[in-house]
Amino acid sequence: MNPSTNPTAHDLRGSPDTGAGRHWWRKLRPYDFYDHQLPEPVGPCCKPDGW
């Protein structure tokens, strides 16, 4: 995962046939994170105000 807008360093790039193969790449969008948040609350833990 590359959280910045900069391209991934060449030495860190892979190819679909590296290792076990059949890898995939895609850019993660904000909704990928927002749509997969834990429910409120989780056990004794609550989200901070404004989350």
N, C-alpha and C. Protein backbone atom coordinates (compact mmCIF):
# COMPACT_ATOMS: atom_id res chain seq x y z
N MET A 1 0.86 -1.16 0.00
CA MET A 1 0.00 0.00 0.00
C MET A 1 0.90 1.22 0.00
N ASN A 2 0.59 2.15 -0.87
CA ASN A 2 1.32 3.40 -0.96
C ASN A 2 0.34 4.52 -0.62
N PRO A 3 0.40 5.08 0.61
CA PRO A 3 -0.59 6.07 1.03
C PRO A 3 -0.38 7.45 0.41
N SER A 4 0.70 7.66 -0.31
CA SER A 4 0.94 8.99 -0.88
C SER A 4 0.48 9.03 -2.33
N THR A 5 0.51 10.23 -2.89
CA THR A 5 0.16 10.38 -4.30
C THR A 5 1.38 10.18 -5.18
N ASN A 6 2.56 10.01 -4.57
CA ASN A 6 3.77 9.75 -5.34
C ASN A 6 3.77 8.32 -5.87
N PRO A 7 4.40 8.10 -7.01
CA PRO A 7 4.47 6.72 -7.51
C PRO A 7 5.28 5.83 -6.57
N THR A 8 5.00 4.56 -6.60
CA THR A 8 5.75 3.60 -5.78
C THR A 8 7.17 3.48 -6.33
N ALA A 9 8.14 3.42 -5.42
CA ALA A 9 9.54 3.28 -5.83
C ALA A 9 9.70 2.06 -6.72
N HIS A 10 10.55 2.17 -7.71
CA HIS A 10 10.72 1.10 -8.70
C HIS A 10 11.06 -0.24 -8.05
N ASP A 11 11.95 -0.23 -7.06
CA ASP A 11 12.35 -1.48 -6.42
C ASP A 11 11.23 -2.12 -5.60
N LEU A 12 10.19 -1.35 -5.28
CA LEU A 12 9.07 -1.89 -4.49
C LEU A 12 7.91 -2.33 -5.36
N ARG A 13 7.99 -2.06 -6.64
CA ARG A 13 6.90 -2.47 -7.54
C ARG A 13 6.97 -3.96 -7.79
N GLY A 14 5.85 -4.54 -8.02
CA GLY A 14 5.79 -5.96 -8.33
C GLY A 14 5.19 -6.17 -9.69
N SER A 15 5.01 -7.40 -10.04
CA SER A 15 4.33 -7.73 -11.28
C SER A 15 3.33 -8.84 -10.98
N PRO A 16 2.30 -8.96 -11.79
CA PRO A 16 1.26 -9.97 -11.50
C PRO A 16 1.78 -11.40 -11.40
N ASP A 17 2.92 -11.69 -12.01
CA ASP A 17 3.41 -13.06 -11.97
C ASP A 17 4.55 -13.29 -10.97
N THR A 18 4.81 -12.31 -10.08
CA THR A 18 5.85 -12.45 -9.07
C THR A 18 5.38 -13.38 -7.95
N GLY A 19 6.25 -14.20 -7.43
CA GLY A 19 5.92 -15.08 -6.31
C GLY A 19 4.83 -16.08 -6.69
N ALA A 20 3.81 -16.17 -5.85
CA ALA A 20 2.72 -17.10 -6.13
C ALA A 20 1.90 -16.67 -7.34
N GLY A 21 2.04 -15.41 -7.73
CA GLY A 21 1.36 -14.92 -8.93
C GLY A 21 -0.09 -14.53 -8.69
N ARG A 22 -0.70 -14.03 -9.73
CA ARG A 22 -2.11 -13.62 -9.75
C ARG A 22 -2.39 -12.50 -8.76
N HIS A 23 -1.42 -11.58 -8.58
CA HIS A 23 -1.62 -10.42 -7.72
C HIS A 23 -2.45 -9.39 -8.48
N TRP A 24 -2.99 -8.41 -7.76
CA TRP A 24 -3.74 -7.33 -8.39
C TRP A 24 -3.40 -6.03 -7.70
N TRP A 25 -3.56 -4.96 -8.42
CA TRP A 25 -3.30 -3.62 -7.91
C TRP A 25 -4.48 -2.73 -8.23
N ARG A 26 -4.76 -1.83 -7.33
CA ARG A 26 -5.80 -0.83 -7.58
C ARG A 26 -5.59 0.30 -6.61
N LYS A 27 -5.99 1.51 -7.02
CA LYS A 27 -5.89 2.66 -6.12
C LYS A 27 -7.04 2.60 -5.13
N LEU A 28 -6.73 2.78 -3.85
CA LEU A 28 -7.76 2.82 -2.84
C LEU A 28 -8.31 4.23 -2.78
N ARG A 29 -9.60 4.35 -2.73
CA ARG A 29 -10.30 5.63 -2.69
C ARG A 29 -10.81 5.86 -1.27
N PRO A 30 -11.17 7.11 -0.93
CA PRO A 30 -11.67 7.38 0.42
C PRO A 30 -12.81 6.46 0.84
N TYR A 31 -13.74 6.16 -0.09
CA TYR A 31 -14.87 5.32 0.30
C TYR A 31 -14.42 3.89 0.66
N ASP A 32 -13.26 3.45 0.17
CA ASP A 32 -12.77 2.13 0.57
C ASP A 32 -12.54 2.08 2.08
N PHE A 33 -12.17 3.21 2.67
CA PHE A 33 -11.95 3.28 4.11
C PHE A 33 -13.23 3.62 4.85
N TYR A 34 -13.96 4.62 4.36
CA TYR A 34 -15.18 5.07 5.05
C TYR A 34 -16.25 3.99 5.08
N ASP A 35 -16.36 3.22 4.02
CA ASP A 35 -17.39 2.18 3.95
C ASP A 35 -17.05 0.94 4.75
N HIS A 36 -15.84 0.87 5.31
CA HIS A 36 -15.42 -0.33 6.02
C HIS A 36 -14.92 -0.01 7.43
N GLN A 37 -15.58 0.94 8.07
CA GLN A 37 -15.25 1.29 9.45
C GLN A 37 -15.92 0.30 10.40
N LEU A 38 -15.35 0.14 11.56
CA LEU A 38 -15.96 -0.70 12.58
C LEU A 38 -17.22 -0.02 13.11
N PRO A 39 -18.18 -0.79 13.60
CA PRO A 39 -19.39 -0.17 14.16
C PRO A 39 -19.07 0.61 15.43
N GLU A 40 -19.98 1.46 15.83
CA GLU A 40 -19.82 2.27 17.03
C GLU A 40 -20.76 1.73 18.10
N PRO A 41 -20.38 1.42 19.27
CA PRO A 41 -19.01 1.22 19.76
C PRO A 41 -18.53 -0.19 19.48
N VAL A 42 -17.25 -0.42 19.70
CA VAL A 42 -16.67 -1.76 19.62
C VAL A 42 -16.16 -2.07 21.02
N GLY A 43 -16.90 -2.93 21.70
CA GLY A 43 -16.56 -3.24 23.10
C GLY A 43 -16.56 -1.97 23.91
N PRO A 44 -15.53 -1.70 24.68
CA PRO A 44 -15.47 -0.48 25.49
C PRO A 44 -14.93 0.73 24.71
N CYS A 45 -14.57 0.55 23.45
CA CYS A 45 -13.93 1.61 22.66
C CYS A 45 -14.95 2.38 21.83
N CYS A 46 -14.84 3.69 21.83
CA CYS A 46 -15.72 4.56 21.04
C CYS A 46 -14.87 5.44 20.13
N LYS A 47 -15.46 5.85 19.02
CA LYS A 47 -14.77 6.77 18.11
C LYS A 47 -14.64 8.13 18.77
N PRO A 48 -13.57 8.87 18.47
CA PRO A 48 -13.42 10.22 19.01
C PRO A 48 -14.49 11.15 18.44
N ASP A 49 -14.79 12.22 19.16
CA ASP A 49 -15.76 13.20 18.67
C ASP A 49 -15.31 13.73 17.31
N GLY A 50 -16.25 13.87 16.39
CA GLY A 50 -15.96 14.39 15.07
C GLY A 50 -15.42 13.36 14.09
N TRP A 51 -15.36 12.11 14.48
CA TRP A 51 -14.83 11.07 13.61
C TRP A 51 -15.73 10.83 12.44
